[in-house]
C-alpha atoms as a PDB file:
ATOM      1  CA  MET A   1      24.629  15.021  -7.994  1.00  0.00           C
ATOM      2  CA  PRO A   2      26.515  11.725  -8.019  1.00  0.00           C
ATOM      3  CA  VAL A   3      24.536   8.587  -8.833  1.00  0.00           C
ATOM      4  CA  THR A   4      24.892   7.314  -5.241  1.00  0.00           C
ATOM      5  CA  GLU A   5      23.330  10.470  -3.824  1.00  0.00           C
ATOM      6  CA  GLU A   6      20.653  10.452  -6.502  1.00  0.00           C
ATOM      7  CA  SER A   7      19.629   6.881  -5.712  1.00  0.00           C
ATOM      8  CA  GLU A   8      19.679   7.788  -2.015  1.00  0.00           C
ATOM      9  CA  LEU A   9      17.387  10.703  -2.783  1.00  0.00           C
ATOM     10  CA  TYR A  10      14.991   8.433  -4.680  1.00  0.00           C
ATOM     11  CA  ALA A  11      14.886   6.025  -1.748  1.00  0.00           C
ATOM     12  CA  LEU A  12      14.318   8.915   0.641  1.00  0.00           C
ATOM     13  CA  VAL A  13      11.483  10.364  -1.437  1.00  0.00           C
ATOM     14  CA  GLY A  14       9.887   6.933  -1.711  1.00  0.00           C
ATOM     15  CA  GLU A  15       9.982   6.473   2.038  1.00  0.00           C
ATOM     16  CA  VAL A  16       8.553   9.953   2.633  1.00  0.00           C
ATOM     17  CA  MET A  17       5.685   9.212   0.241  1.00  0.00           C
ATOM     18  CA  VAL A  18       4.917   5.827   1.844  1.00  0.00           C
ATOM     19  CA  LEU A  19       4.907   7.356   5.323  1.00  0.00           C
ATOM     20  CA  SER A  20       2.730  10.242   4.101  1.00  0.00           C
ATOM     21  CA  ALA A  21       0.180   7.731   2.845  1.00  0.00           C
ATOM     22  CA  ARG A  22       0.295   5.955   6.211  1.00  0.00           C
ATOM     23  CA  ILE A  23      -0.308   9.226   8.025  1.00  0.00           C
ATOM     24  CA  GLU A  24      -3.368   9.913   5.869  1.00  0.00           C
ATOM     25  CA  SER A  25      -4.583   6.385   6.555  1.00  0.00           C
ATOM     26  CA  CYS A  26      -4.106   7.032  10.278  1.00  0.00           C
ATOM     27  CA  LEU A  27      -6.251  10.141  10.009  1.00  0.00           C
ATOM     28  CA  GLU A  28      -8.933   8.151   8.165  1.00  0.00           C
ATOM     29  CA  SER A  29      -8.909   5.612  10.995  1.00  0.00           C
ATOM     30  CA  CYS A  30      -9.251   8.368  13.593  1.00  0.00           C
ATOM     31  CA  ILE A  31     -12.211   9.884  11.740  1.00  0.00           C
ATOM     32  CA  ALA A  32     -13.836   6.450  11.387  1.00  0.00           C
ATOM     33  CA  ALA A  33     -13.360   5.891  15.134  1.00  0.00           C
ATOM     34  CA  CYS A  34     -15.448   8.999  15.801  1.00  0.00           C
ATOM     35  CA  LEU A  35     -18.332   7.917  13.577  1.00  0.00           C
ATOM     36  CA  PRO A  36     -21.307   5.820  14.690  1.00  0.00           C
ATOM     37  CA  ASP A  37     -20.785   2.055  14.544  1.00  0.00           C
ATOM     38  CA  ALA A  38     -23.383   1.638  11.814  1.00  0.00           C
ATOM     39  CA  SER A  39     -21.437   3.647   9.263  1.00  0.00           C
ATOM     40  CA  PRO A  40     -17.841   2.331   8.880  1.00  0.00           C
ATOM     41  CA  THR A  41     -18.414   0.541   5.565  1.00  0.00           C
ATOM     42  CA  ALA A  42     -20.552   3.323   4.162  1.00  0.00           C
ATOM     43  CA  SER A  43     -18.045   5.984   5.202  1.00  0.00           C
ATOM     44  CA  GLN A  44     -14.971   4.409   3.550  1.00  0.00           C
ATOM     45  CA  PRO A  45     -15.514   5.889   0.058  1.00  0.00           C
ATOM     46  CA  LEU A  46     -15.952   9.344   1.575  1.00  0.00           C
ATOM     47  CA  LEU A  47     -12.940   9.027   3.881  1.00  0.00           C
ATOM     48  CA  ARG A  48     -10.677   8.006   1.010  1.00  0.00           C
ATOM     49  CA  ARG A  49     -11.615  11.112  -0.967  1.00  0.00           C
ATOM     50  CA  LEU A  50     -10.748  13.591   1.766  1.00  0.00           C
ATOM     51  CA  ASN A  51      -7.484  15.436   1.392  1.00  0.00           C
ATOM     52  CA  PHE A  52      -5.131  15.918   4.308  1.00  0.00           C
ATOM     53  CA  THR A  53      -6.345  19.431   5.140  1.00  0.00           C
ATOM     54  CA  ASN A  54      -9.976  18.287   5.223  1.00  0.00           C
ATOM     55  CA  GLN A  55      -9.072  15.285   7.366  1.00  0.00           C
ATOM     56  CA  LEU A  56      -7.450  17.570   9.938  1.00  0.00           C
ATOM     57  CA  ALA A  57     -10.400  19.977   9.921  1.00  0.00           C
ATOM     58  CA  ILE A  58     -12.964  17.197  10.321  1.00  0.00           C
ATOM     59  CA  LEU A  59     -11.013  15.561  13.135  1.00  0.00           C
ATOM     60  CA  HIS A  60     -10.642  18.875  14.898  1.00  0.00           C
ATOM     61  CA  GLU A  61     -14.413  19.375  14.797  1.00  0.00           C
ATOM     62  CA  LEU A  62     -15.247  15.809  15.788  1.00  0.00           C
ATOM     63  CA  VAL A  63     -13.037  15.763  18.864  1.00  0.00           C
ATOM     64  CA  GLN A  64     -14.378  19.131  20.066  1.00  0.00           C
ATOM     65  CA  ASP A  65     -17.654  17.388  20.864  1.00  0.00           C
ATOM     66  CA  LEU A  66     -15.977  14.409  22.526  1.00  0.00           C
ATOM     67  CA  TYR A  67     -13.844  16.165  25.124  1.00  0.00           C
ATOM     68  CA  GLU A  68     -14.060  19.114  27.438  1.00  0.00           C
ATOM     69  CA  ARG A  69     -12.108  22.080  26.128  1.00  0.00           C
ATOM     70  CA  ARG A  70      -9.234  21.743  28.602  1.00  0.00           C
ATOM     71  CA  ASP A  71      -9.161  17.971  28.783  1.00  0.00           C
ATOM     72  CA  THR A  72      -5.519  16.886  28.621  1.00  0.00           C
ATOM     73  CA  THR A  73      -6.384  14.214  26.049  1.00  0.00           C
ATOM     74  CA  LEU A  74      -7.856  16.841  23.734  1.00  0.00           C
ATOM     75  CA  VAL A  75      -4.845  19.112  24.230  1.00  0.00           C
ATOM     76  CA  GLU A  76      -2.428  16.280  23.388  1.00  0.00           C
ATOM     77  CA  PHE A  77      -4.526  15.174  20.416  1.00  0.00           C
ATOM     78  CA  ARG A  78      -4.421  18.696  18.994  1.00  0.00           C
ATOM     79  CA  ARG A  79      -0.631  18.690  19.426  1.00  0.00           C
ATOM     80  CA  TRP A  80      -0.452  15.436  17.505  1.00  0.00           C
ATOM     81  CA  LEU A  81      -2.536  16.926  14.693  1.00  0.00           C
ATOM     82  CA  ARG A  82      -0.237  19.988  14.575  1.00  0.00           C
ATOM     83  CA  ARG A  83       2.808  17.715  14.330  1.00  0.00           C
ATOM     84  CA  LEU A  84       1.163  15.851  11.460  1.00  0.00           C
ATOM     85  CA  LYS A  85       0.418  19.137   9.722  1.00  0.00           C
ATOM     86  CA  ARG A  86       4.073  20.200  10.027  1.00  0.00           C
ATOM     87  CA  ILE A  87       5.170  16.832   8.669  1.00  0.00           C
ATOM     88  CA  ARG A  88       2.847  17.269   5.700  1.00  0.00           C
ATOM     89  CA  GLU A  89       4.249  20.756   5.071  1.00  0.00           C
ATOM     90  CA  ARG A  90       7.781  19.324   5.096  1.00  0.00           C
ATOM     91  CA  ARG A  91       6.688  16.584   2.703  1.00  0.00           C
ATOM     92  CA  ASN A  92       5.275  19.200   0.351  1.00  0.00           C
ATOM     93  CA  ASP A  93       8.529  21.125   0.635  1.00  0.00           C
ATOM     94  CA  LEU A  94      10.411  18.015  -0.430  1.00  0.00           C
ATOM     95  CA  VAL A  95       8.156  17.314  -3.380  1.00  0.00           C
ATOM     96  CA  HIS A  96       7.722  20.880  -4.620  1.00  0.00           C
ATOM     97  CA  HIS A  97      11.051  22.489  -3.823  1.00  0.00           C
ATOM     98  CA  VAL A  98      13.850  20.205  -2.738  1.00  0.00           C
ATOM     99  CA  LEU A  99      13.600  17.859  -5.714  1.00  0.00           C
ATOM    100  CA  ARG A 100      14.055  20.703  -8.211  1.00  0.00           C
ATOM    101  CA  VAL A 101      17.730  21.240  -7.465  1.00  0.00           C
ATOM    102  CA  ALA A 102      20.700  19.171  -6.371  1.00  0.00           C
ATOM    103  CA  ARG A 103      20.935  18.710  -2.626  1.00  0.00           C
ATOM    104  CA  SER A 104      23.855  18.193  -0.307  1.00  0.00           C
ATOM    105  CA  ARG A 105      24.586  15.148   1.834  1.00  0.00           C
ATOM    106  CA  GLU A 106      23.757  17.323   4.838  1.00  0.00           C
ATOM    107  CA  GLU A 107      20.276  17.951   3.497  1.00  0.00           C
ATOM    108  CA  LEU A 108      19.792  14.246   2.838  1.00  0.00           C
ATOM    109  CA  GLY A 109      20.703  13.677   6.488  1.00  0.00           C
ATOM    110  CA  ARG A 110      18.056  16.182   7.608  1.00  0.00           C
ATOM    111  CA  TRP A 111      15.473  14.331   5.543  1.00  0.00           C
ATOM    112  CA  LYS A 112      16.443  11.044   7.143  1.00  0.00           C
ATOM    113  CA  SER A 113      15.782  12.704  10.484  1.00  0.00           C
ATOM    114  CA  GLU A 114      12.415  13.925   9.184  1.00  0.00           C
ATOM    115  CA  ILE A 115      11.539  10.368   8.205  1.00  0.00           C
ATOM    116  CA  GLU A 116      12.165   9.289  11.792  1.00  0.00           C
ATOM    117  CA  HIS A 117       9.650  11.900  12.977  1.00  0.00           C
ATOM    118  CA  MET A 118       7.135  10.580  10.462  1.00  0.00           C
ATOM    119  CA  ARG A 119       7.613   7.016  11.705  1.00  0.00           C
ATOM    120  CA  GLU A 120       7.163   8.131  15.323  1.00  0.00           C
ATOM    121  CA  GLU A 121       3.887   9.876  14.536  1.00  0.00           C
ATOM    122  CA  CYS A 122       2.641   6.840  12.598  1.00  0.00           C
ATOM    123  CA  THR A 123       3.302   4.638  15.625  1.00  0.00           C
ATOM    124  CA  ARG A 124       1.176   6.975  17.779  1.00  0.00           C
ATOM    125  CA  ALA A 125      -1.858   6.626  15.513  1.00  0.00           C
ATOM    126  CA  PRO A 126      -3.221   3.327  16.887  1.00  0.00           C
ATOM    127  CA  TYR A 127      -3.190   4.862  20.375  1.00  0.00           C
ATOM    128  CA  TRP A 128      -5.312   7.764  19.126  1.00  0.00           C
ATOM    129  CA  VAL A 129      -7.708   5.500  17.227  1.00  0.00           C
ATOM    130  CA  GLN A 130      -8.283   3.456  20.389  1.00  0.00           C
ATOM    131  CA  ALA A 131      -8.588   6.566  22.571  1.00  0.00           C
ATOM    132  CA  LEU A 132     -11.218   8.008  20.234  1.00  0.00           C
ATOM    133  CA  ARG A 133     -13.147   4.713  20.026  1.00  0.00           C
ATOM    134  CA  THR A 134     -13.172   4.478  23.808  1.00  0.00           C
ATOM    135  CA  ARG A 135     -14.299   8.081  24.169  1.00  0.00           C
ATOM    136  CA  VAL A 136     -17.089   7.657  21.592  1.00  0.00           C
ATOM    137  CA  ALA A 137     -18.273   4.490  23.362  1.00  0.00           C
ATOM    138  CA  THR A 138     -18.210   6.293  26.707  1.00  0.00           C
ATOM    139  CA  ALA A 139     -20.124   9.260  25.280  1.00  0.00           C
ATOM    140  CA  ASP A 140     -22.687   6.907  23.697  1.00  0.00           C
ATOM    141  CA  SER A 141     -23.256   5.076  26.985  1.00  0.00           C
ATOM    142  CA  ASP A 142     -23.566   8.399  28.822  1.00  0.00           C
ATOM    143  CA  ASN A 143     -26.299   9.438  26.370  1.00  0.00           C
ATOM    144  CA  ASP A 144     -28.272   6.186  26.856  1.00  0.00           C
END
């Protein structure tokens, strides 16, 4: 692989890793939004230790109790989580497979496209954090 492509690959991998960390941070924020107000500081050490798979599983369980089964918000949230899971699988593919052998310019182009998907999903996260906070607040007031 020419030096130019190799440096491009390094930049690409770096961006994928940064965006992966942002996605995990987004999931932490979504979980925190579902927790009672009294626990955000206490929950941070726990949230930071969860791996991606556990974050998805916990969020899936938490939102089940917040929304009716066929609520369109719940359906869309689950779709978002599935997209994040696919992104994580692609990231793992990059780290565990793609980096082992030389790659073509075409494959670098596909990864640049993948990075765009990662950015898009990261920009959706604040919407979901706010939606979950609002739903938790609504559920709390309904229980009062």
